[in-house]
Structure formats: structure tokens, C-alpha cells
Amino acid sequence: MRGIDARTRFINNGYPMSSKLKDKRVAILGAGKIGGILLRAFLQKGLVSPKHARATVKHPERAKELSKALDIAVTTDNRAAAAGADIVIIAVKPVVVTEVAQEIHGELGPKTLVISVAASVPTSLLEQKLPPNVPVIRAMPNTPCAIGCGMTGLAKGTHATPADLELARELFESVGKVAVVDEKLMDAVTALSASGPAFIYVILESLAEAGVKTGLSRETATLLAAQTMSGAAQMVLVTGDHPALLKDGVTTPAGCTIDGLMELEDGKVRVTLIKAVVKAAQRARELMFDK
């Protein structure tokens, strides 16, 4: 089968067979929602050693809690966390990215790799705020990274080398799949795969509600809906077949599926989903300007 390239380089227990990240010092500035997900995943996968990991949060109490829970250095001082780091991941809100970049400016060397997971912020803006020639990569992971089923888009800035990109790829492949795209497409990535889980949850919830309506228990209906969605997605990933072809394989002549599909078309589900992604992409372009 053709399948979609997952670039699998992991042995059965999930740990890298050979990692360029070994002994790299990694700082995550802004260990909130997505930053916290990535931090925990990198530690759990053994990709980053606790003694080489640092993180920052806004509040001292939270810093103490996280430090104790993960057994790593956590502070509220971005400069201290970034000092001496080989990789700095900026995971703060888009509106404060430039402020953080200016804050850590003096702590970065020419070989420090900076990865920004902030939506809307172009690499060119970060490059202006950071020391000359510092490599910058823009990443857009999603929340399923928390369970190793994430999707991350990567785009490299002007000074990032193929080796830098490969390093970032290895980090994010530890929590799911990776697609490298031209930076002009990163807002589309944000809308489709970063916002996408929310759209999928609405669909999943609706399917489960339909199951309840037709007599199933809520627990059973949710299980049926979730596993069906998961299985259908895996069929696309594993076979590499176009979704339309797989849909036709389910749709038998004069069967029940075609009647259901007609209802979906009548309800404009297809165009509504397209418009949802387009609208999210438009909004993604604006986030760094929010105050």
C-alpha cells in the first residue's frame, strides 16, 4: 500500500533509535497549554533529558508546581531559561512574542535554534528582534500531540539550515506527524490542523447525539462515533487513497449510506466545513495584532 509518509524512526517503546537531540539543552518559554503539552511529551518520550530541560510560566506558584511535577527547572524568567540553551521554543501568546524575543536577545548565540509555535507571527519578524543570523523555525502543532497523535506544520526562516529543520522535525515527530510547508501556508495549517480538532469534536459529538436519537446509550454512541472517525482517518493515512474513493467503497447502490450522504449534502455540511477552515485561516493572520 502507498500510505502517507510518517517518517517513522522509532523503536517499539517510542524512543528514538538515534537522536540528534541527545544532550541538547531545551528551553520552552511559556509552558501553558501547547507549551506544556510539548514539554511533557518531549520528557515522556525521552527525547529531552530533565536535566537539560527548562521552562517558564507567568506565576511563581505555577513555576514551583510544574518544577516539582516534572522534576525540571521552571522559572518566570525567560532570560534565565534561554541562557545557554541549544533550542529555545517560544510558546507564548502571539501578541507578546516580539516582547519575549527582545527579552532573550542577549542570551542567544548564532547557533541557538529558535522555534516559535505562536500562530500568526512570521519568522521575518522574529529575525528582526533576535541577534543576526539566529536560525528561526515556525511550527504549528495541535493538541493531540498530548497523546502522540499530533500534527505539526513546519516552515523555516531565512537563516535556518536543512540541519535545523531536521532537528525541529525530530522534536515534533516524537508527538505525531510533521508536514514541512512554505511559510505563506502556515495560516492555512493553523486553521486546518490546529483549529481542526475543535471542528472534528463538533462532528463527533453530533454523530454520537444521532446514535442516542436512534436508541443507543450515550457511552456506546460516543465509542462508536470516536472509533469510526479514528478508523476512517487511519484508512486515509495507511492506504493513501483519496477520501472520495474510500467514501465510494462504503456507499453501496440503493443502500442506507447514500441516503445519509444526501442529507449531508442537503445540509451543506461540505461547504460549511470549507468555510470554517477559510474563516479560521483569516483569523489566524490577525492574532499577533490582538491587544
Protein backbone atom coordinates (compact mmCIF):
# COMPACT_ATOMS: atom_id res chain seq x y z
CA MET A 1 0.00 0.00 0.00
CA ARG A 2 1.16 3.52 -0.74
CA GLY A 3 0.30 5.20 2.55
CA ILE A 4 1.29 8.68 3.67
CA ASP A 5 4.94 9.04 4.71
CA ALA A 6 5.12 9.14 8.50
CA ARG A 7 8.95 9.11 8.51
CA THR A 8 8.90 6.51 11.27
CA ARG A 9 12.22 6.33 13.06
CA PHE A 10 11.21 4.97 16.44
CA ILE A 11 11.60 1.57 18.04
CA ASN A 12 8.73 -0.20 19.75
CA ASN A 13 8.88 1.66 23.04
CA GLY A 14 8.60 5.01 21.25
CA TYR A 15 12.17 6.17 21.89
CA PRO A 16 14.39 7.39 19.05
CA MET A 17 16.89 4.87 17.72
CA SER A 18 19.43 7.64 17.21
CA SER A 19 18.71 11.18 18.21
CA LYS A 20 20.42 14.41 17.19
CA LEU A 21 18.74 15.86 20.26
CA LYS A 22 20.84 13.88 22.71
CA ASP A 23 22.31 16.25 25.33
CA LYS A 24 20.66 19.28 23.70
CA ARG A 25 19.53 21.88 26.21
CA VAL A 26 15.94 22.83 25.51
CA ALA A 27 14.03 25.80 26.94
CA ILE A 28 10.27 26.19 26.50
CA LEU A 29 9.22 29.77 27.12
CA GLY A 30 5.55 29.71 28.01
CA ALA A 31 4.69 26.24 29.30
CA GLY A 32 0.97 26.88 29.15
CA LYS A 33 -1.44 24.85 27.04
CA ILE A 34 0.51 23.86 23.94
CA GLY A 35 3.89 24.59 25.52
CA GLY A 36 3.03 22.34 28.46
CA ILE A 37 1.81 19.58 26.14
CA LEU A 38 5.08 19.67 24.20
CA LEU A 39 7.21 19.80 27.34
CA ARG A 40 5.55 16.74 28.87
CA ALA A 41 5.65 14.83 25.61
CA PHE A 42 9.36 15.51 25.00
CA LEU A 43 10.18 14.38 28.53
CA GLN A 44 7.97 11.28 28.40
CA LYS A 45 9.46 10.23 25.06
CA GLY A 46 12.93 10.57 26.49
CA LEU A 47 13.75 12.99 23.69
CA VAL A 48 14.89 15.64 26.16
CA SER A 49 16.58 14.87 29.46
CA PRO A 50 15.05 16.51 32.58
CA LYS A 51 18.47 17.88 33.49
CA HIS A 52 18.64 19.60 30.09
CA ALA A 53 15.06 20.94 30.10
CA ARG A 54 13.92 24.34 31.29
CA ALA A 55 10.60 26.10 31.13
CA THR A 56 8.93 29.36 32.04
CA VAL A 57 5.45 30.29 33.23
CA LYS A 58 3.90 33.58 34.31
CA HIS A 59 3.32 32.92 38.00
CA PRO A 60 5.84 31.81 40.68
CA GLU A 61 3.36 29.42 42.29
CA ARG A 62 2.78 27.67 39.00
CA ALA A 63 6.53 27.50 38.42
CA LYS A 64 7.01 25.66 41.72
CA GLU A 65 4.18 23.23 40.96
CA LEU A 66 5.44 22.41 37.47
CA SER A 67 9.04 22.08 38.60
CA LYS A 68 8.03 19.60 41.28
CA ALA A 69 5.72 17.64 38.97
CA LEU A 70 8.23 17.28 36.12
CA ASP A 71 11.49 17.45 38.07
CA ILE A 72 12.93 20.18 35.84
CA ALA A 73 13.94 23.80 36.27
CA VAL A 74 10.92 26.09 35.87
CA THR A 75 11.06 29.83 36.37
CA THR A 76 9.28 33.07 35.49
CA ASP A 77 12.48 34.50 34.00
CA ASN A 78 12.67 34.00 30.23
CA ARG A 79 16.23 35.28 30.03
CA ALA A 80 17.45 32.82 32.65
CA ALA A 81 15.72 29.92 30.92
CA ALA A 82 17.07 30.83 27.49
CA ALA A 83 20.66 31.36 28.67
CA GLY A 84 22.87 28.55 27.35
CA ALA A 85 20.01 26.71 25.64
CA ASP A 86 20.65 24.96 22.32
CA ILE A 87 16.95 25.10 21.37
CA VAL A 88 14.52 27.77 22.54
CA ILE A 89 10.82 27.13 21.92
CA ILE A 90 8.69 30.25 22.15
CA ALA A 91 5.18 29.19 23.13
CA VAL A 92 3.70 32.43 24.45
CA LYS A 93 0.68 34.26 23.04
CA PRO A 94 1.30 35.84 19.62
CA VAL A 95 0.83 39.37 20.95
CA VAL A 96 3.84 39.06 23.31
CA VAL A 97 6.23 37.12 21.05
CA THR A 98 8.24 40.17 19.98
CA GLU A 99 8.50 41.28 23.61
CA VAL A 100 9.88 37.88 24.62
CA ALA A 101 12.25 37.87 21.64
CA GLN A 102 13.69 41.22 22.72
CA GLU A 103 13.92 39.98 26.30
CA ILE A 104 16.08 36.96 25.41
CA HIS A 105 18.09 38.71 22.69
CA GLY A 106 21.29 38.85 24.72
CA GLU A 107 21.16 35.19 25.74
CA LEU A 108 21.19 33.68 22.26
CA GLY A 109 24.21 32.59 20.27
CA PRO A 110 24.45 32.26 16.47
CA LYS A 111 23.82 28.50 16.73
CA THR A 112 20.83 28.71 19.06
CA LEU A 113 17.78 27.31 17.25
CA VAL A 114 14.62 29.30 17.95
CA ILE A 115 11.30 27.58 17.27
CA SER A 116 8.11 29.63 17.53
CA VAL A 117 4.77 27.89 17.97
CA ALA A 118 2.88 31.18 18.12
CA ALA A 119 0.18 31.49 15.48
CA SER A 120 0.35 34.42 13.07
CA VAL A 121 3.93 35.53 13.86
CA PRO A 122 6.19 35.35 10.78
CA THR A 123 9.81 34.21 11.05
CA SER A 124 10.91 37.51 9.48
CA LEU A 125 9.56 39.46 12.45
CA LEU A 126 11.39 37.23 14.93
CA GLU A 127 14.57 37.51 12.90
CA GLN A 128 14.37 41.30 13.22
CA LYS A 129 14.13 41.08 17.01
CA LEU A 130 16.79 38.39 17.54
CA PRO A 131 20.57 38.58 17.02
CA PRO A 132 21.80 38.44 13.40
CA ASN A 133 21.73 35.05 11.67
CA VAL A 134 19.98 33.19 14.50
CA PRO A 135 18.04 30.34 12.85
CA VAL A 136 14.28 30.55 13.31
CA ILE A 137 11.67 27.90 12.53
CA ARG A 138 7.94 28.42 12.75
CA ALA A 139 5.91 25.46 13.99
CA MET A 140 2.20 24.88 14.40
CA PRO A 141 1.42 21.77 16.46
CA ASN A 142 -2.05 20.78 17.67
CA THR A 143 -3.43 19.48 20.97
CA PRO A 144 -3.48 15.76 20.01
CA CYS A 145 0.31 15.98 20.45
CA ALA A 146 -0.57 15.26 24.09
CA ILE A 147 -1.24 11.61 23.18
CA GLY A 148 1.33 11.25 20.42
CA CYS A 149 -1.23 11.71 17.64
CA GLY A 150 -0.44 15.30 16.80
CA MET A 151 0.02 17.10 13.50
CA THR A 152 2.62 19.83 13.16
CA GLY A 153 3.36 22.17 10.28
CA LEU A 154 6.94 23.47 9.99
CA ALA A 155 8.35 26.37 8.00
CA LYS A 156 11.94 27.58 8.14
CA GLY A 157 13.11 31.14 8.24
CA THR A 158 15.90 32.80 6.24
CA HIS A 159 18.81 31.61 8.38
CA ALA A 160 17.57 28.12 9.27
CA THR A 161 19.54 25.32 7.60
CA PRO A 162 18.31 21.88 6.50
CA ALA A 163 20.01 20.54 9.65
CA ASP A 164 17.97 22.94 11.80
CA LEU A 165 14.81 21.83 10.06
CA GLU A 166 15.71 18.19 10.62
CA LEU A 167 16.25 18.87 14.32
CA ALA A 168 12.82 20.51 14.58
CA ARG A 169 11.29 17.66 12.60
CA GLU A 170 12.70 15.12 15.06
CA LEU A 171 11.25 17.04 18.00
CA PHE A 172 7.76 17.19 16.58
CA GLU A 173 7.75 13.72 15.02
CA SER A 174 8.03 12.45 18.60
CA VAL A 175 4.45 13.67 19.16
CA GLY A 176 2.86 12.84 15.79
CA LYS A 177 3.28 13.59 12.11
CA VAL A 178 5.04 16.55 10.50
CA ALA A 179 4.48 18.45 7.26
CA VAL A 180 7.06 20.97 6.03
CA VAL A 181 5.41 23.80 4.11
CA ASP A 182 6.22 27.19 2.67
CA GLU A 183 5.70 29.81 5.35
CA LYS A 184 2.98 31.57 3.37
CA LEU A 185 0.84 28.47 4.02
CA MET A 186 1.24 28.43 7.81
CA ASP A 187 -2.04 30.28 8.46
CA ALA A 188 -3.78 27.55 6.47
CA VAL A 189 -2.01 24.93 8.60
CA THR A 190 -3.18 26.76 11.72
CA ALA A 191 -6.78 26.73 10.51
CA LEU A 192 -6.83 23.14 9.27
CA SER A 193 -4.81 21.10 11.76
CA ALA A 194 -4.51 23.36 14.82
CA SER A 195 -8.15 24.52 14.86
CA GLY A 196 -9.31 21.35 13.13
CA PRO A 197 -9.66 19.17 16.26
CA ALA A 198 -12.40 21.51 17.52
CA PHE A 199 -14.29 21.07 14.25
CA ILE A 200 -13.85 17.30 14.47
CA TYR A 201 -15.14 17.24 18.05
CA VAL A 202 -18.32 19.01 16.94
CA ILE A 203 -18.82 16.40 14.20
CA LEU A 204 -18.06 13.56 16.61
CA GLU A 205 -20.46 14.95 19.19
CA SER A 206 -23.17 15.29 16.56
CA LEU A 207 -22.71 11.70 15.39
CA ALA A 208 -22.92 10.49 18.99
CA GLU A 209 -26.10 12.52 19.52
CA ALA A 210 -27.53 10.86 16.43
CA GLY A 211 -26.73 7.50 17.95
CA VAL A 212 -28.59 8.47 21.12
CA LYS A 213 -31.51 9.66 19.00
CA THR A 214 -31.69 6.25 17.32
CA GLY A 215 -31.66 4.33 20.60
CA LEU A 216 -28.04 3.79 21.62
CA SER A 217 -26.70 4.65 25.06
CA ARG A 218 -24.57 7.80 25.14
CA GLU A 219 -21.49 5.81 26.13
CA THR A 220 -21.90 3.33 23.28
CA ALA A 221 -22.78 6.02 20.77
CA THR A 222 -19.68 8.04 21.68
CA LEU A 223 -17.46 4.96 21.40
CA LEU A 224 -18.93 4.06 18.01
CA ALA A 225 -18.55 7.61 16.70
CA ALA A 226 -15.00 8.11 18.00
CA GLN A 227 -13.65 4.78 16.81
CA THR A 228 -15.36 5.15 13.45
CA MET A 229 -13.76 8.57 12.94
CA SER A 230 -10.38 7.26 14.07
CA GLY A 231 -10.63 4.22 11.78
CA ALA A 232 -11.70 6.30 8.79
CA ALA A 233 -8.77 8.66 9.30
CA GLN A 234 -6.36 5.73 9.54
CA MET A 235 -7.73 4.33 6.28
CA VAL A 236 -6.71 7.57 4.55
CA LEU A 237 -3.27 7.63 6.20
CA VAL A 238 -2.46 3.95 5.72
CA THR A 239 -3.82 3.42 2.20
CA GLY A 240 -3.07 6.85 0.79
CA ASP A 241 -6.37 6.65 -1.12
CA HIS A 242 -8.40 9.78 -1.79
CA PRO A 243 -11.23 10.21 0.74
CA ALA A 244 -13.76 10.27 -2.11
CA LEU A 245 -12.61 6.83 -3.24
CA LEU A 246 -12.90 5.44 0.28
CA LYS A 247 -16.34 7.02 0.62
CA ASP A 248 -17.48 5.30 -2.56
CA GLY A 249 -16.28 2.00 -1.12
CA VAL A 250 -18.76 2.36 1.75
CA THR A 251 -21.63 3.56 -0.43
CA THR A 252 -23.46 0.56 -1.88
CA PRO A 253 -26.16 1.01 -4.55
CA ALA A 254 -29.60 1.77 -3.06
CA GLY A 255 -28.15 1.33 0.45
CA CYS A 256 -28.58 3.37 3.60
CA THR A 257 -25.27 5.27 3.27
CA ILE A 258 -26.30 7.12 0.12
CA ASP A 259 -29.44 8.38 1.87
CA GLY A 260 -27.31 9.71 4.71
CA LEU A 261 -24.89 11.35 2.29
CA MET A 262 -27.80 13.07 0.55
CA GLU A 263 -28.84 14.56 3.89
CA LEU A 264 -25.31 15.83 4.45
CA GLU A 265 -25.27 17.49 1.03
CA ASP A 266 -28.71 18.96 1.63
CA GLY A 267 -27.43 20.43 4.90
CA LYS A 268 -24.40 21.94 3.16
CA VAL A 269 -22.01 20.18 5.54
CA ARG A 270 -19.24 20.13 2.95
CA VAL A 271 -19.32 23.85 2.19
CA THR A 272 -19.78 24.74 5.86
CA LEU A 273 -16.60 22.89 6.82
CA ILE A 274 -14.68 24.55 4.00
CA LYS A 275 -15.92 27.97 5.12
CA ALA A 276 -14.97 27.19 8.75
CA VAL A 277 -11.35 26.50 7.78
CA VAL A 278 -11.17 29.55 5.49
CA LYS A 279 -12.57 31.77 8.26
CA ALA A 280 -10.12 30.34 10.82
CA ALA A 281 -7.22 30.99 8.42
CA GLN A 282 -8.31 34.60 8.03
CA ARG A 283 -8.43 35.00 11.80
CA ALA A 284 -5.03 33.31 12.20
CA ARG A 285 -3.43 36.15 10.25
CA GLU A 286 -4.72 38.68 12.80
CA LEU A 287 -3.75 37.10 16.13
CA MET A 288 -0.42 38.86 16.60
CA PHE A 289 -2.20 42.22 16.43
CA ASP A 290 -4.61 41.46 19.29
CA LYS A 291 -4.17 43.55 22.41
